[in-house]
Protein backbone atom coordinates (compact mmCIF):
# COMPACT_ATOMS: atom_id res chain seq x y z
CA UNK A 1 26.76 -27.98 -6.37
CA UNK A 2 25.69 -30.81 -8.67
CA UNK A 3 23.42 -30.01 -11.66
CA UNK A 4 20.37 -31.60 -9.98
CA UNK A 5 21.00 -30.07 -6.54
CA UNK A 6 18.55 -27.43 -5.34
CA UNK A 7 19.80 -24.20 -3.76
CA UNK A 8 19.04 -23.70 -0.09
CA UNK A 9 15.99 -21.53 0.65
CA UNK A 10 16.78 -17.97 1.75
CA UNK A 11 17.27 -17.36 5.44
CA UNK A 12 13.98 -15.75 6.63
CA UNK A 13 15.97 -13.38 8.86
CA UNK A 14 17.49 -11.79 5.76
CA UNK A 15 14.45 -11.65 3.46
CA UNK A 16 13.25 -8.09 3.01
CA UNK A 17 9.47 -7.95 3.28
CA UNK A 18 8.13 -5.37 0.87
CA UNK A 19 5.08 -3.31 1.71
CA UNK A 20 2.17 -3.69 -0.70
CA UNK A 21 1.81 -0.92 -3.26
CA UNK A 22 -1.96 -1.30 -3.23
CA UNK A 23 -4.01 -2.48 -0.27
CA UNK A 24 -7.76 -2.84 0.14
CA UNK A 25 -9.09 -3.81 3.57
CA UNK A 26 -12.69 -4.99 4.01
CA UNK A 27 -13.97 -2.91 1.09
CA UNK A 28 -17.70 -3.20 0.47
CA UNK A 29 -19.93 -1.48 -2.06
CA UNK A 30 -23.72 -1.49 -1.92
CA UNK A 31 -26.46 -0.08 -4.08
CA UNK A 32 -29.57 0.10 -1.97
CA UNK A 33 -29.91 -3.29 -0.31
CA UNK A 34 -27.87 -5.07 -2.99
CA UNK A 35 -24.19 -5.83 -2.50
CA UNK A 36 -22.28 -4.89 -5.64
CA UNK A 37 -19.10 -5.97 -3.87
CA UNK A 38 -19.20 -8.07 -0.70
CA UNK A 39 -16.44 -7.36 1.84
CA UNK A 40 -13.14 -8.02 0.13
CA UNK A 41 -9.50 -7.53 1.06
CA UNK A 42 -6.39 -7.73 -1.10
CA UNK A 43 -2.77 -6.67 -1.29
CA UNK A 44 -0.68 -6.14 -4.41
CA UNK A 45 3.08 -6.22 -3.85
CA UNK A 46 5.75 -4.63 -6.08
CA UNK A 47 6.33 -6.63 -9.26
CA UNK A 48 3.27 -8.83 -8.69
CA UNK A 49 -0.03 -9.09 -10.52
CA UNK A 50 -3.45 -9.58 -8.93
CA UNK A 51 -6.40 -11.07 -10.78
CA UNK A 52 -10.05 -11.06 -9.73
CA UNK A 53 -11.79 -14.30 -10.65
CA UNK A 54 -15.27 -15.58 -9.98
CA UNK A 55 -18.81 -15.82 -11.23
CA UNK A 56 -20.28 -13.17 -13.53
CA UNK A 57 -21.90 -10.51 -11.39
CA UNK A 58 -19.50 -11.25 -8.55
CA UNK A 59 -18.28 -7.66 -8.20
CA UNK A 60 -15.22 -7.55 -10.46
CA UNK A 61 -16.14 -4.19 -12.00
CA UNK A 62 -17.15 -2.76 -8.61
CA UNK A 63 -13.79 -3.86 -7.19
CA UNK A 64 -11.88 -2.17 -10.02
CA UNK A 65 -13.90 1.02 -9.59
CA UNK A 66 -13.42 0.95 -5.81
CA UNK A 67 -9.66 0.46 -6.14
CA UNK A 68 -9.51 3.42 -8.53
CA UNK A 69 -11.52 5.64 -6.20
CA UNK A 70 -14.31 5.97 -8.76
CA UNK A 71 -17.08 4.49 -6.62
CA UNK A 72 -18.14 5.18 -3.02
CA UNK A 73 -17.07 2.60 -0.44
CA UNK A 74 -19.74 1.66 2.08
CA UNK A 75 -17.09 0.04 4.24
CA UNK A 76 -13.33 -0.45 4.31
CA UNK A 77 -10.34 1.44 2.98
CA UNK A 78 -7.97 1.50 0.02
CA UNK A 79 -4.39 2.73 0.16
CA UNK A 80 -1.96 3.29 -2.69
CA UNK A 81 1.67 3.29 -1.61
CA UNK A 82 0.54 3.92 1.95
CA UNK A 83 -1.52 6.97 0.91
CA UNK A 84 -5.30 7.00 1.26
CA UNK A 85 -5.60 9.53 -1.60
CA UNK A 86 -6.25 6.88 -4.23
CA UNK A 87 -7.38 9.47 -6.78
CA UNK A 88 -3.79 9.18 -8.05
CA UNK A 89 -5.04 6.16 -10.03
CA UNK A 90 -7.64 8.20 -11.92
């Protein structure tokens, strides 16, 4: 291989797909008629970092609280390592 040659991409048949360690599916949090967190989904895979970005008041804190099991979900689910008992994060 020459110094400027690029290695071939991995064969997709041999790439191990890792399950996410944290998964939120259609989570939604409301307070009265106000949406603190509009429906949101995310997956965090082993060794990866997830960042919530957006406008102030966009639900970042509500998302963090929902992922930690510290706030009631009006819709959706959160799993940690495949387990729905997310109180392990508390």
